[in-house]
Amino acid sequence: MKIYVFIFLSISCTYFAKAQSFSSVVAGMQTVLQTVENNKNQITQTLKEKEPGVLLYTCTTTTIKDGKSQQEVYEFNMADIDINTIRAFTNKDVIQVQCLVAKKQKFIKKTTDSQKSNYEQEVFFYAKNIDNGRELVDALKGLVPISENIIDKRLSLKTYQEHLNWLVANITQVNLLDKQYVQKLTSSSKIPGRLEFIVDQVSSGKSVNSSFQFNLANLNPNSIFAEVKGDVIVLHVETRRKLDVIKAFATTVQKDYVNNFDFYCESVEKSRDLQKVLKQAVLLSEDKIEAMIPKIKSVGEGIDILNSKIKSVTINEVTFTQQLLGDCVLSFTKKEATPAKMTDNIYQLNLRDLGKNLIAYNTEGKNVVINCKTKAGSKFIKFTENQVLKNYTNQIEFQLGEVEDAIVCRAVLERLVELCEAQEIRVSGSKKELLTQIKNSITKVTENKLTYEQQLELKDDPILQFKSTEIGEKSSKLKVYEFNINDINPVTVAFNTSSTAVYVSLSTNYMEKIIKYYEDGAIKNYQNTFTIQTSTIEEARLLSEMLKRILTMK
């Protein structure tokens, strides 16, 4: 029965506290707070309401012997206080009432003699006796639910624009005892979600200027939190997955991209409101950035969008000039110009070879890049640097001017891969017609310092003969393979690259060594595989499809 009475009384007290206004409870506490003396000091206490939910508690300690005094002013919101920590206890010859901030956060601003400020995680009131202490405990506990209710109802913003307007209006100058933070937040009318934050830290006549350009949609709402740094409250923000996608400047000079920065706040209350509005703005901005991505229906449309974004990108003293030509099979030209040199790179690729889920944007120092990788890491991208053929590669990078451009281009590239994957390689004709097409497609190939003179002949149906003369600078070698076409396993037909060479490989069923092999007219050991050289990936792709088709015909 006693337990039920206790629960009822607790619920009744909480309801009664909420029913009262914050101001009336604080006013009633003036009579509860009294002057307290111990054997050394006289302690005078006053309590005021700074704003709804926020207390200003002034504690003046005067030494009885010499009359010297020290004043401490505490500013805090009762909603931050863990209600279970509010209790009276005896400390030597005085009774104190403690209030501790939940999770040990330093959210209580303490100013000593109007000269020095810092943040604490606890504040102590003084009681004349134990009954006075109990009165203080009850009154302070009653303020906690009232303050929590005030915070819940303090801001009633609804739309994305309302949140944005509030942020722009409320991120302003913060004045401390020995320094200032002059802050300004502006939004872009052209890029959805894009904001620029400028802050000048002024102290001792010196000013340090920093600025950050970022998109709200790139921020992690769960990483936004307030903390104390020295004598100031900051609101710390980080990007999703801690990607370095915040463009940073120091006195207008671009620095490396970063993944976090801080807003400076003049009080815990400002940081609390800023945290609430910023979190909601981040969530609301996601639809804005999504609406920015175009819905493309054709490959040509997507290529045009990409070219408009990548055409010319300048980062400090480096300029990238980029262009895509073609359809699903593309030529990508990328020129990098610095005051010292010019680099001209050309990549040739088929978009269907790229992995849709392997397209990602990130930053490298001051650069925004989109990295595209091929499926299974296959080196199917031809690469020429300053007109010199290099080894085939499995990735390319696009340079972008802004993170938002990268977000759009990544989505466009993903869509282009889908469109190109849907385009089938059409191979048709009878077995005889396909064989003729295969014979005509196997031609002379020059690769680096080697030339391959190749020929496929029908020796005696179904026996085929493949000849390949490898001609180097000083010597040549003739290789001849005779095989029954029915012995070739269609599953093993594949194209690949090696350094700068492209080839199609064929193998027998069960890897049996039944391919007759001659080298410069001499009979050699039987083989189970051989390769056909091609000039390009697309030639190899088509040859592979024709071989697979003819090998699966009955």
Protein backbone atom coordinates (compact mmCIF):
# COMPACT_ATOMS: atom_id res chain seq x y z
CA MET A 1 0.00 0.00 0.00
CA LYS A 2 2.86 2.39 0.85
CA ILE A 3 4.39 1.81 -2.61
CA TYR A 4 1.14 2.80 -4.36
CA VAL A 5 0.87 5.96 -2.23
CA PHE A 6 4.47 6.91 -3.09
CA ILE A 7 3.89 6.46 -6.84
CA PHE A 8 0.68 8.49 -6.64
CA LEU A 9 2.45 11.29 -4.78
CA SER A 10 5.32 11.29 -7.30
CA ILE A 11 2.93 11.54 -10.25
CA SER A 12 0.92 14.23 -8.47
CA CYS A 13 4.08 16.28 -7.78
CA THR A 14 5.19 16.05 -11.39
CA TYR A 15 1.78 17.08 -12.68
CA PHE A 16 1.64 19.95 -10.17
CA ALA A 17 5.09 21.15 -11.24
CA LYS A 18 4.10 21.17 -14.91
CA ALA A 19 0.89 22.98 -14.07
CA GLN A 20 2.87 25.86 -12.54
CA SER A 21 4.81 28.35 -14.65
CA PHE A 22 8.57 28.45 -14.53
CA SER A 23 8.48 32.06 -13.40
CA SER A 24 6.16 31.38 -10.45
CA VAL A 25 8.27 28.51 -9.14
CA VAL A 26 11.47 30.59 -9.38
CA ALA A 27 9.76 33.51 -7.65
CA GLY A 28 8.63 31.19 -4.86
CA MET A 29 12.17 29.95 -4.36
CA GLN A 30 13.38 33.43 -3.33
CA THR A 31 12.08 32.81 0.17
CA VAL A 32 13.57 29.31 0.25
CA LEU A 33 17.07 30.48 -0.60
CA GLN A 34 18.57 32.01 2.52
CA THR A 35 21.82 33.46 3.75
CA VAL A 36 23.96 30.68 5.24
CA GLU A 37 26.89 30.95 7.62
CA ASN A 38 29.56 28.50 8.73
CA ASN A 39 32.54 29.07 10.97
CA LYS A 40 34.46 31.01 8.25
CA ASN A 41 32.12 32.40 5.63
CA GLN A 42 28.79 34.05 5.04
CA ILE A 43 27.08 32.85 1.86
CA THR A 44 24.43 34.98 0.19
CA GLN A 45 22.31 33.44 -2.58
CA THR A 46 19.96 34.85 -5.22
CA LEU A 47 18.09 33.13 -7.99
CA LYS A 48 16.66 34.74 -11.12
CA GLU A 49 15.03 33.63 -14.32
CA LYS A 50 17.22 34.61 -17.28
CA GLU A 51 14.75 33.20 -19.79
CA PRO A 52 12.11 30.44 -19.64
CA GLY A 53 13.81 27.32 -18.32
CA VAL A 54 17.13 29.03 -17.61
CA LEU A 55 18.34 30.05 -14.15
CA LEU A 56 20.87 32.63 -13.03
CA TYR A 57 22.14 31.59 -9.61
CA THR A 58 24.42 34.06 -7.83
CA CYS A 59 26.45 32.86 -4.87
CA THR A 60 28.50 35.48 -2.96
CA THR A 61 30.91 34.11 -0.37
CA THR A 62 32.23 36.65 2.18
CA THR A 63 35.03 35.79 4.60
CA ILE A 64 33.85 36.81 8.09
CA LYS A 65 37.36 37.57 9.33
CA ASP A 66 38.47 40.13 6.69
CA GLY A 67 35.30 40.90 4.75
CA LYS A 68 36.72 39.80 1.38
CA SER A 69 34.16 38.37 -0.95
CA GLN A 70 33.94 36.36 -4.15
CA GLN A 71 30.96 36.23 -6.47
CA GLU A 72 30.12 33.24 -8.61
CA VAL A 73 27.29 33.37 -11.15
CA TYR A 74 25.94 30.12 -12.58
CA GLU A 75 23.81 30.02 -15.73
CA PHE A 76 22.08 26.76 -16.58
CA ASN A 77 18.90 25.14 -17.80
CA MET A 78 17.14 22.83 -15.37
CA ALA A 79 16.30 20.53 -18.28
CA ASP A 80 19.99 19.59 -18.38
CA ILE A 81 19.99 18.51 -14.73
CA ASP A 82 19.61 14.83 -13.92
CA ILE A 83 16.62 14.92 -11.55
CA ASN A 84 17.92 11.87 -9.71
CA THR A 85 21.07 13.72 -8.65
CA ILE A 86 19.24 16.56 -6.87
CA ARG A 87 19.75 15.85 -3.20
CA ALA A 88 20.74 17.48 0.08
CA PHE A 89 23.85 16.33 1.94
CA THR A 90 26.07 17.47 4.78
CA ASN A 91 29.48 18.88 3.89
CA LYS A 92 31.32 19.43 7.19
CA ASP A 93 29.54 22.39 8.82
CA VAL A 94 27.08 23.25 6.01
CA ILE A 95 24.24 21.54 4.20
CA GLN A 96 24.41 21.67 0.40
CA VAL A 97 22.01 20.74 -2.39
CA GLN A 98 23.70 19.35 -5.47
CA CYS A 99 22.56 19.47 -9.08
CA LEU A 100 24.53 17.43 -11.62
CA VAL A 101 24.22 17.69 -15.39
CA ALA A 102 23.07 14.48 -17.07
CA LYS A 103 25.85 12.39 -18.67
CA LYS A 104 28.45 14.61 -16.94
CA GLN A 105 28.26 17.22 -19.67
CA LYS A 106 29.70 20.64 -18.85
CA PHE A 107 26.61 22.71 -19.53
CA ILE A 108 26.70 25.04 -16.52
CA LYS A 109 28.37 28.37 -17.23
CA LYS A 110 30.27 29.73 -14.25
CA THR A 111 31.52 33.33 -14.13
CA THR A 112 33.77 34.38 -11.26
CA ASP A 113 33.83 38.07 -10.22
CA SER A 114 32.65 39.06 -13.72
CA GLN A 115 36.11 38.32 -15.12
CA LYS A 116 36.62 34.65 -15.75
CA SER A 117 34.19 32.17 -17.29
CA ASN A 118 34.28 28.43 -17.66
CA TYR A 119 31.82 25.55 -17.89
CA GLU A 120 31.07 23.04 -15.15
CA GLN A 121 29.04 19.85 -14.79
CA GLU A 122 27.70 20.63 -11.31
CA VAL A 123 26.32 23.43 -9.16
CA PHE A 124 25.71 23.51 -5.39
CA PHE A 125 23.13 25.47 -3.41
CA TYR A 126 23.42 26.07 0.35
CA ALA A 127 20.71 25.34 2.95
CA LYS A 128 20.28 26.85 6.40
CA ASN A 129 19.29 23.47 7.83
CA ILE A 130 18.11 20.06 6.65
CA ASP A 131 14.46 21.14 6.38
CA ASN A 132 15.49 24.11 4.27
CA GLY A 133 17.55 21.67 2.18
CA ARG A 134 14.53 19.46 1.60
CA GLU A 135 12.51 22.49 0.46
CA LEU A 136 15.22 23.37 -2.05
CA VAL A 137 15.36 19.80 -3.34
CA ASP A 138 11.58 19.71 -3.90
CA ALA A 139 11.55 23.09 -5.65
CA LEU A 140 14.49 22.27 -7.93
CA LYS A 141 13.06 18.88 -8.84
CA GLY A 142 9.80 20.60 -9.71
CA LEU A 143 11.61 22.86 -12.19
CA VAL A 144 13.07 19.98 -14.23
CA PRO A 145 9.86 18.79 -15.99
CA ILE A 146 8.76 22.42 -16.49
CA SER A 147 12.04 23.24 -18.24
CA GLU A 148 11.88 20.10 -20.37
CA ASN A 149 8.39 21.06 -21.49
CA ILE A 150 9.57 24.58 -22.36
CA ILE A 151 12.35 23.21 -24.58
CA ASP A 152 9.99 20.84 -26.37
CA LYS A 153 7.65 23.69 -27.29
CA ARG A 154 10.21 26.47 -27.79
CA LEU A 155 10.61 26.16 -31.57
CA SER A 156 7.78 25.36 -33.94
CA LEU A 157 9.46 25.56 -37.35
CA LYS A 158 7.93 23.42 -40.07
CA THR A 159 9.28 23.93 -43.60
CA TYR A 160 12.81 23.58 -44.91
CA GLN A 161 12.91 27.30 -45.72
CA GLU A 162 11.80 28.23 -42.20
CA HIS A 163 14.65 26.18 -40.75
CA LEU A 164 17.10 27.71 -43.21
CA ASN A 165 15.95 31.25 -42.43
CA TRP A 166 16.33 30.59 -38.69
CA LEU A 167 19.88 29.29 -39.14
CA VAL A 168 20.91 32.31 -41.21
CA ALA A 169 19.37 34.71 -38.68
CA ASN A 170 20.70 33.04 -35.52
CA ILE A 171 24.28 32.12 -36.38
CA THR A 172 25.80 35.45 -35.42
CA GLN A 173 28.59 37.06 -33.43
CA VAL A 174 29.64 35.55 -30.10
CA ASN A 175 31.35 37.83 -27.58
CA LEU A 176 33.50 36.41 -24.82
CA LEU A 177 35.58 38.20 -22.19
CA ASP A 178 38.80 38.14 -24.22
CA LYS A 179 37.76 37.25 -27.77
CA GLN A 180 35.04 37.45 -30.39
CA TYR A 181 33.74 35.04 -32.97
CA VAL A 182 32.20 36.97 -35.87
CA GLN A 183 30.05 34.44 -37.71
CA LYS A 184 27.91 34.55 -40.81
CA LEU A 185 25.89 31.85 -42.55
CA THR A 186 24.62 32.32 -46.11
CA SER A 187 22.65 30.02 -48.39
CA SER A 188 23.01 29.52 -52.13
CA SER A 189 20.10 30.34 -54.41
CA LYS A 190 21.55 28.14 -57.17
CA ILE A 191 22.58 24.94 -55.38
CA PRO A 192 19.95 23.24 -53.15
CA GLY A 193 21.21 22.65 -49.62
CA ARG A 194 24.47 24.56 -50.15
CA LEU A 195 25.57 26.84 -47.30
CA GLU A 196 28.67 28.88 -46.57
CA PHE A 197 29.84 29.49 -43.02
CA ILE A 198 32.35 32.30 -42.41
CA VAL A 199 33.96 32.89 -39.02
CA ASP A 200 36.52 35.46 -37.90
CA GLN A 201 38.17 34.75 -34.56
CA VAL A 202 39.29 38.08 -33.12
CA SER A 203 41.55 38.26 -30.05
CA SER A 204 44.32 40.62 -28.91
CA GLY A 205 43.92 42.70 -32.03
CA LYS A 206 44.48 39.72 -34.33
CA SER A 207 41.95 38.10 -36.63
CA VAL A 208 41.90 34.57 -38.05
CA ASN A 209 39.50 34.07 -40.95
CA SER A 210 38.06 30.68 -41.90
CA SER A 211 35.18 29.66 -44.10
CA PHE A 212 33.46 26.40 -44.96
CA GLN A 213 31.24 25.55 -47.91
CA PHE A 214 29.05 22.49 -47.38
CA ASN A 215 25.78 20.88 -48.28
CA LEU A 216 23.29 20.14 -45.52
CA ALA A 217 22.47 16.78 -47.10
CA ASN A 218 26.08 15.67 -46.57
CA LEU A 219 25.97 16.25 -42.81
CA ASN A 220 25.32 13.42 -40.38
CA PRO A 221 22.40 14.51 -38.16
CA ASN A 222 23.48 12.05 -35.46
CA SER A 223 26.93 13.62 -35.21
CA ILE A 224 25.67 17.12 -34.34
CA PHE A 225 26.39 17.75 -30.66
CA ALA A 226 27.35 20.55 -28.29
CA GLU A 227 30.55 20.51 -26.30
CA VAL A 228 32.78 22.87 -24.36
CA LYS A 229 36.05 24.05 -25.87
CA GLY A 230 37.85 26.20 -23.37
CA ASP A 231 35.51 29.01 -22.43
CA VAL A 232 33.06 28.68 -25.30
CA ILE A 233 30.26 26.31 -26.27
CA VAL A 234 30.56 24.93 -29.77
CA LEU A 235 28.21 22.89 -31.90
CA HIS A 236 30.27 20.24 -33.62
CA VAL A 237 29.14 18.90 -37.01
CA GLU A 238 30.50 16.02 -39.07
CA THR A 239 29.75 14.61 -42.51
CA ARG A 240 28.13 11.26 -43.25
CA ARG A 241 30.69 8.44 -43.08
CA LYS A 242 33.21 11.18 -42.20
CA LEU A 243 33.80 11.90 -45.88
CA ASP A 244 35.98 14.95 -46.55
CA VAL A 245 33.32 16.87 -48.50
CA ILE A 246 33.43 20.26 -46.74
CA LYS A 247 35.38 22.83 -48.75
CA ALA A 248 37.63 24.77 -46.39
CA PHE A 249 39.27 28.17 -46.84
CA ALA A 250 41.76 30.17 -44.77
CA THR A 251 41.63 33.88 -45.68
CA THR A 252 40.05 33.05 -49.09
CA VAL A 253 42.77 30.48 -49.98
CA GLN A 254 41.32 27.02 -50.53
CA LYS A 255 42.69 24.30 -48.26
CA ASP A 256 42.13 20.55 -48.25
CA TYR A 257 38.56 19.35 -47.89
CA VAL A 258 37.59 18.43 -44.31
CA ASN A 259 34.86 16.36 -42.66
CA ASN A 260 33.95 18.58 -39.68
CA PHE A 261 33.86 22.08 -38.25
CA ASP A 262 32.33 23.98 -35.32
CA PHE A 263 29.72 26.68 -34.85
CA TYR A 264 30.34 28.95 -31.86
CA CYS A 265 27.48 29.66 -29.45
CA GLU A 266 27.10 32.32 -26.80
CA SER A 267 25.23 29.97 -24.46
CA VAL A 268 24.10 26.42 -23.95
CA GLU A 269 20.59 27.51 -24.92
CA LYS A 270 21.77 28.85 -28.26
CA SER A 271 23.64 25.61 -28.93
CA ARG A 272 20.56 23.59 -27.98
CA ASP A 273 18.31 25.49 -30.36
CA LEU A 274 20.93 25.45 -33.11
CA GLN A 275 21.35 21.70 -32.70
CA LYS A 276 17.61 21.09 -32.95
CA VAL A 277 17.09 23.30 -36.01
CA LEU A 278 20.23 22.09 -37.81
CA LYS A 279 19.34 18.42 -37.35
CA GLN A 280 15.89 18.96 -38.78
CA ALA A 281 17.26 21.08 -41.64
CA VAL A 282 19.62 18.24 -42.57
CA LEU A 283 16.73 15.78 -42.75
CA LEU A 284 14.58 18.18 -44.78
CA SER A 285 17.46 18.91 -47.19
CA GLU A 286 17.64 15.30 -48.37
CA ASP A 287 14.60 15.81 -50.60
CA LYS A 288 16.17 18.97 -52.03
CA ILE A 289 19.36 17.23 -53.11
CA GLU A 290 17.37 14.29 -54.50
CA ALA A 291 15.31 16.68 -56.64
CA MET A 292 18.55 18.10 -58.08
CA ILE A 293 19.42 14.78 -59.80
CA PRO A 294 18.13 14.70 -63.41
CA LYS A 295 16.03 11.82 -64.70
CA ILE A 296 17.83 10.87 -67.92
CA LYS A 297 16.28 8.63 -70.56
CA SER A 298 19.08 8.31 -73.10
CA VAL A 299 22.83 7.84 -73.11
CA GLY A 300 23.35 10.99 -75.17
CA GLU A 301 21.40 13.05 -72.66
CA GLY A 302 23.55 11.72 -69.83
CA ILE A 303 26.82 12.40 -71.71
CA ASP A 304 25.75 16.00 -72.28
CA ILE A 305 25.09 16.49 -68.56
CA LEU A 306 28.46 14.99 -67.64
CA ASN A 307 30.30 17.22 -70.11
CA SER A 308 28.60 20.32 -68.73
CA LYS A 309 29.87 19.48 -65.24
CA ILE A 310 33.41 18.30 -66.03
CA LYS A 311 34.31 20.60 -68.96
CA SER A 312 36.69 22.91 -67.09
CA VAL A 313 37.66 22.66 -63.41
CA THR A 314 40.21 24.94 -61.74
CA ILE A 315 41.62 24.34 -58.26
CA ASN A 316 44.06 27.05 -57.24
CA GLU A 317 46.74 26.92 -60.00
CA VAL A 318 45.67 23.62 -61.60
CA THR A 319 43.15 23.49 -64.44
CA PHE A 320 41.51 20.30 -65.71
CA THR A 321 39.90 20.28 -69.16
CA GLN A 322 37.78 17.18 -69.72
CA GLN A 323 35.50 15.85 -72.43
CA LEU A 324 33.55 12.69 -73.19
CA LEU A 325 32.91 11.64 -76.79
CA GLY A 326 30.82 8.72 -77.96
CA ASP A 327 27.90 6.69 -76.69
CA CYS A 328 28.29 3.61 -74.52
CA VAL A 329 31.76 3.22 -76.01
CA LEU A 330 33.52 6.39 -74.95
CA SER A 331 36.68 8.35 -75.39
CA PHE A 332 37.49 10.42 -72.31
CA THR A 333 40.06 13.20 -72.72
CA LYS A 334 41.55 14.70 -69.58
CA LYS A 335 44.09 17.53 -69.76
CA GLU A 336 45.81 18.79 -66.62
CA ALA A 337 47.56 22.15 -66.85
CA THR A 338 49.83 23.65 -64.20
CA PRO A 339 52.25 26.59 -64.47
CA ALA A 340 55.04 24.03 -64.93
CA LYS A 341 53.61 21.40 -67.30
CA MET A 342 50.71 19.97 -69.29
CA THR A 343 49.53 16.35 -69.10
CA ASP A 344 47.21 14.95 -71.76
CA ASN A 345 45.47 11.69 -70.90
CA ILE A 346 43.03 9.76 -73.09
CA TYR A 347 40.91 6.86 -71.87
CA GLN A 348 38.80 4.54 -74.03
CA LEU A 349 36.14 2.46 -72.31
CA ASN A 350 32.76 0.84 -72.55
CA LEU A 351 30.35 2.01 -69.86
CA ARG A 352 28.90 -1.49 -69.55
CA ASP A 353 32.28 -2.59 -68.13
CA LEU A 354 31.94 -0.25 -65.14
CA GLY A 355 30.45 -1.52 -61.89
CA LYS A 356 27.39 0.54 -61.03
CA ASN A 357 28.10 0.09 -57.33
CA LEU A 358 31.77 0.91 -57.84
CA ILE A 359 31.14 4.54 -58.79
CA ALA A 360 31.92 6.80 -55.84
CA TYR A 361 32.76 10.41 -55.21
CA ASN A 362 35.23 11.68 -52.65
CA THR A 363 37.91 14.31 -52.25
CA GLU A 364 41.66 14.18 -52.59
CA GLY A 365 43.19 17.19 -50.90
CA LYS A 366 41.59 20.17 -52.64
CA ASN A 367 40.08 18.12 -55.47
CA VAL A 368 36.61 16.59 -55.83
CA VAL A 369 36.75 13.37 -57.82
CA ILE A 370 34.48 10.61 -59.02
CA ASN A 371 36.25 7.28 -59.16
CA CYS A 372 34.85 4.62 -61.50
CA LYS A 373 36.06 1.02 -61.35
CA THR A 374 35.40 -1.89 -63.67
CA LYS A 375 33.54 -5.02 -62.67
CA ALA A 376 35.79 -7.60 -61.01
CA GLY A 377 38.72 -5.23 -61.45
CA SER A 378 39.09 -6.18 -65.13
CA LYS A 379 41.64 -3.98 -66.90
CA PHE A 380 39.42 -3.04 -69.83
CA ILE A 381 40.15 0.70 -70.02
CA LYS A 382 42.71 1.77 -72.63
CA PHE A 383 45.02 4.51 -71.36
CA THR A 384 47.25 6.88 -73.31
CA GLU A 385 49.41 9.49 -71.56
CA ASN A 386 50.89 12.28 -73.69
CA GLN A 387 50.33 10.10 -76.80
CA VAL A 388 52.20 7.16 -75.25
CA LEU A 389 50.18 3.96 -74.83
CA LYS A 390 50.24 2.75 -71.22
CA ASN A 391 49.01 -0.49 -69.66
CA TYR A 392 45.28 -1.07 -69.64
CA THR A 393 43.72 0.03 -66.36
CA ASN A 394 40.62 -0.80 -64.32
CA GLN A 395 39.61 2.69 -63.18
CA ILE A 396 39.25 6.31 -64.20
CA GLU A 397 38.70 9.56 -62.32
CA PHE A 398 36.65 12.61 -63.22
CA GLN A 399 37.57 15.97 -61.66
CA LEU A 400 34.68 18.11 -60.42
CA GLY A 401 34.46 21.67 -59.16
CA GLU A 402 31.89 21.08 -56.43
CA VAL A 403 30.67 18.19 -54.29
CA GLU A 404 27.12 18.77 -55.54
CA ASP A 405 28.35 18.33 -59.15
CA ALA A 406 29.89 15.03 -58.06
CA ILE A 407 26.58 13.89 -56.52
CA VAL A 408 24.78 14.61 -59.81
CA CYS A 409 27.48 13.04 -61.99
CA ARG A 410 27.64 9.89 -59.89
CA ALA A 411 23.87 9.40 -60.28
CA VAL A 412 24.10 10.06 -64.04
CA LEU A 413 26.97 7.59 -64.45
CA GLU A 414 25.06 4.93 -62.53
CA ARG A 415 22.11 5.44 -64.86
CA LEU A 416 24.34 5.32 -67.95
CA VAL A 417 25.78 1.98 -66.84
CA GLU A 418 22.23 0.64 -66.55
CA LEU A 419 21.32 1.89 -70.04
CA CYS A 420 24.48 0.46 -71.61
CA GLU A 421 24.12 -2.89 -69.86
CA ALA A 422 20.65 -3.15 -71.41
CA GLN A 423 22.11 -2.84 -74.92
CA GLU A 424 22.72 -6.34 -76.25
CA ILE A 425 25.56 -7.29 -78.58
CA ARG A 426 23.68 -8.63 -81.57
CA VAL A 427 25.28 -11.61 -83.30
CA SER A 428 23.31 -13.30 -86.07
CA GLY A 429 23.75 -15.59 -89.05
CA SER A 430 24.15 -19.24 -89.88
CA LYS A 431 27.11 -21.28 -88.73
CA LYS A 432 28.82 -20.76 -92.08
CA GLU A 433 28.08 -17.03 -92.06
CA LEU A 434 29.37 -16.64 -88.50
CA LEU A 435 32.52 -18.52 -89.34
CA THR A 436 33.11 -16.12 -92.24
CA GLN A 437 32.55 -13.15 -89.92
CA ILE A 438 35.02 -14.60 -87.40
CA LYS A 439 37.63 -15.20 -90.14
CA ASN A 440 37.26 -11.62 -91.38
CA SER A 441 37.56 -10.16 -87.87
CA ILE A 442 40.86 -11.93 -87.14
CA THR A 443 43.43 -9.64 -88.74
CA LYS A 444 46.88 -8.16 -88.34
CA VAL A 445 47.50 -6.59 -84.93
CA THR A 446 50.41 -4.38 -83.86
CA GLU A 447 51.03 -4.15 -80.13
CA ASN A 448 54.04 -2.25 -78.80
CA LYS A 449 57.08 -3.73 -80.63
CA LEU A 450 55.29 -6.88 -81.77
CA THR A 451 53.16 -7.47 -84.84
CA TYR A 452 50.79 -10.43 -85.07
CA GLU A 453 49.80 -11.64 -88.55
CA GLN A 454 46.81 -13.90 -87.88
CA GLN A 455 44.60 -16.11 -89.98
CA LEU A 456 41.79 -18.61 -89.30
CA GLU A 457 41.01 -21.24 -91.94
CA LEU A 458 38.52 -24.07 -92.28
CA LYS A 459 40.83 -26.98 -93.07
CA ASP A 460 38.36 -29.84 -93.15
CA ASP A 461 34.98 -29.34 -91.45
CA PRO A 462 34.90 -29.36 -88.40
CA ILE A 463 38.72 -28.97 -88.25
CA LEU A 464 39.99 -25.36 -88.06
CA GLN A 465 43.51 -24.05 -88.31
CA PHE A 466 44.66 -20.85 -86.61
CA LYS A 467 47.98 -19.32 -87.69
CA SER A 468 49.76 -16.53 -85.86
CA THR A 469 53.13 -15.09 -86.92
CA GLU A 470 54.72 -13.03 -84.14
CA ILE A 471 57.10 -10.53 -85.71
CA GLY A 472 59.54 -8.70 -83.45
CA GLU A 473 62.36 -6.25 -84.18
CA LYS A 474 64.94 -9.01 -84.74
CA SER A 475 63.02 -12.25 -85.21
CA SER A 476 59.68 -13.86 -85.98
CA LYS A 477 57.85 -16.99 -84.90
CA LEU A 478 55.05 -18.88 -86.65
CA LYS A 479 52.53 -20.68 -84.44
CA VAL A 480 49.90 -23.01 -85.91
CA TYR A 481 46.99 -24.57 -83.97
CA GLU A 482 44.74 -27.26 -85.47
CA PHE A 483 41.60 -28.22 -83.57
CA ASN A 484 38.11 -29.60 -83.83
CA ILE A 485 35.70 -26.75 -83.23
CA ASN A 486 33.46 -29.09 -81.24
CA ASP A 487 36.29 -29.60 -78.71
CA ILE A 488 36.30 -25.94 -77.68
CA ASN A 489 34.35 -25.17 -74.51
CA PRO A 490 32.17 -22.06 -75.11
CA VAL A 491 32.26 -21.26 -71.37
CA THR A 492 36.03 -20.71 -71.54
CA VAL A 493 35.86 -18.16 -74.35
CA ALA A 494 36.82 -14.83 -72.78
CA PHE A 495 38.62 -11.63 -73.62
CA ASN A 496 41.22 -9.99 -71.41
CA THR A 497 44.23 -7.69 -71.38
CA SER A 498 47.87 -7.99 -70.48
CA SER A 499 49.86 -4.77 -70.21
CA THR A 500 49.00 -3.05 -73.53
CA ALA A 501 47.72 -6.18 -75.33
CA VAL A 502 44.13 -7.33 -75.84
CA TYR A 503 43.32 -10.96 -76.62
CA VAL A 504 40.61 -13.62 -76.73
CA SER A 505 41.40 -16.97 -75.13
CA LEU A 506 39.88 -20.37 -76.01
CA SER A 507 40.25 -23.69 -74.15
CA THR A 508 39.18 -27.26 -74.75
CA ASN A 509 36.51 -29.20 -72.91
CA TYR A 510 37.86 -30.46 -69.59
CA MET A 511 41.17 -28.74 -70.49
CA GLU A 512 42.25 -31.78 -72.52
CA LYS A 513 45.49 -31.30 -74.44
CA ILE A 514 44.11 -32.19 -77.87
CA ILE A 515 44.99 -29.09 -79.90
CA LYS A 516 47.73 -29.94 -82.42
CA TYR A 517 50.49 -27.35 -82.24
CA TYR A 518 53.33 -26.40 -84.63
CA GLU A 519 56.04 -23.84 -84.05
CA ASP A 520 58.02 -22.67 -87.10
CA GLY A 521 56.95 -25.86 -88.89
CA ALA A 522 58.06 -28.22 -86.12
CA ILE A 523 55.53 -30.36 -84.26
CA LYS A 524 55.35 -29.46 -80.57
CA ASN A 525 53.40 -30.81 -77.61
CA TYR A 526 49.61 -30.82 -77.86
CA GLN A 527 47.92 -27.81 -76.20
CA ASN A 528 44.63 -27.17 -74.40
CA THR A 529 44.39 -23.41 -74.98
CA PHE A 530 45.43 -20.62 -77.35
CA THR A 531 44.84 -16.89 -77.78
CA ILE A 532 43.81 -14.56 -80.60
CA GLN A 533 45.11 -10.98 -80.51
CA THR A 534 42.81 -8.03 -81.20
CA SER A 535 43.43 -4.29 -81.52
CA THR A 536 40.72 -3.10 -79.14
CA ILE A 537 38.47 -4.28 -76.33
CA GLU A 538 35.41 -3.89 -78.55
CA GLU A 539 36.90 -6.12 -81.25
CA ALA A 540 37.68 -8.71 -78.57
CA ARG A 541 34.17 -8.42 -77.12
CA LEU A 542 32.52 -8.98 -80.52
CA LEU A 543 34.86 -11.85 -81.42
CA SER A 544 34.09 -13.54 -78.10
CA GLU A 545 30.35 -13.27 -78.67
CA MET A 546 30.63 -14.71 -82.20
CA LEU A 547 32.78 -17.60 -80.99
CA LYS A 548 30.37 -18.37 -78.15
CA ARG A 549 27.44 -18.28 -80.56
CA ILE A 550 28.98 -20.63 -83.12
CA LEU A 551 30.20 -23.00 -80.39
CA THR A 552 26.70 -23.34 -78.95
CA MET A 553 25.06 -24.03 -82.32
CA LYS A 554 23.94 -27.57 -83.04
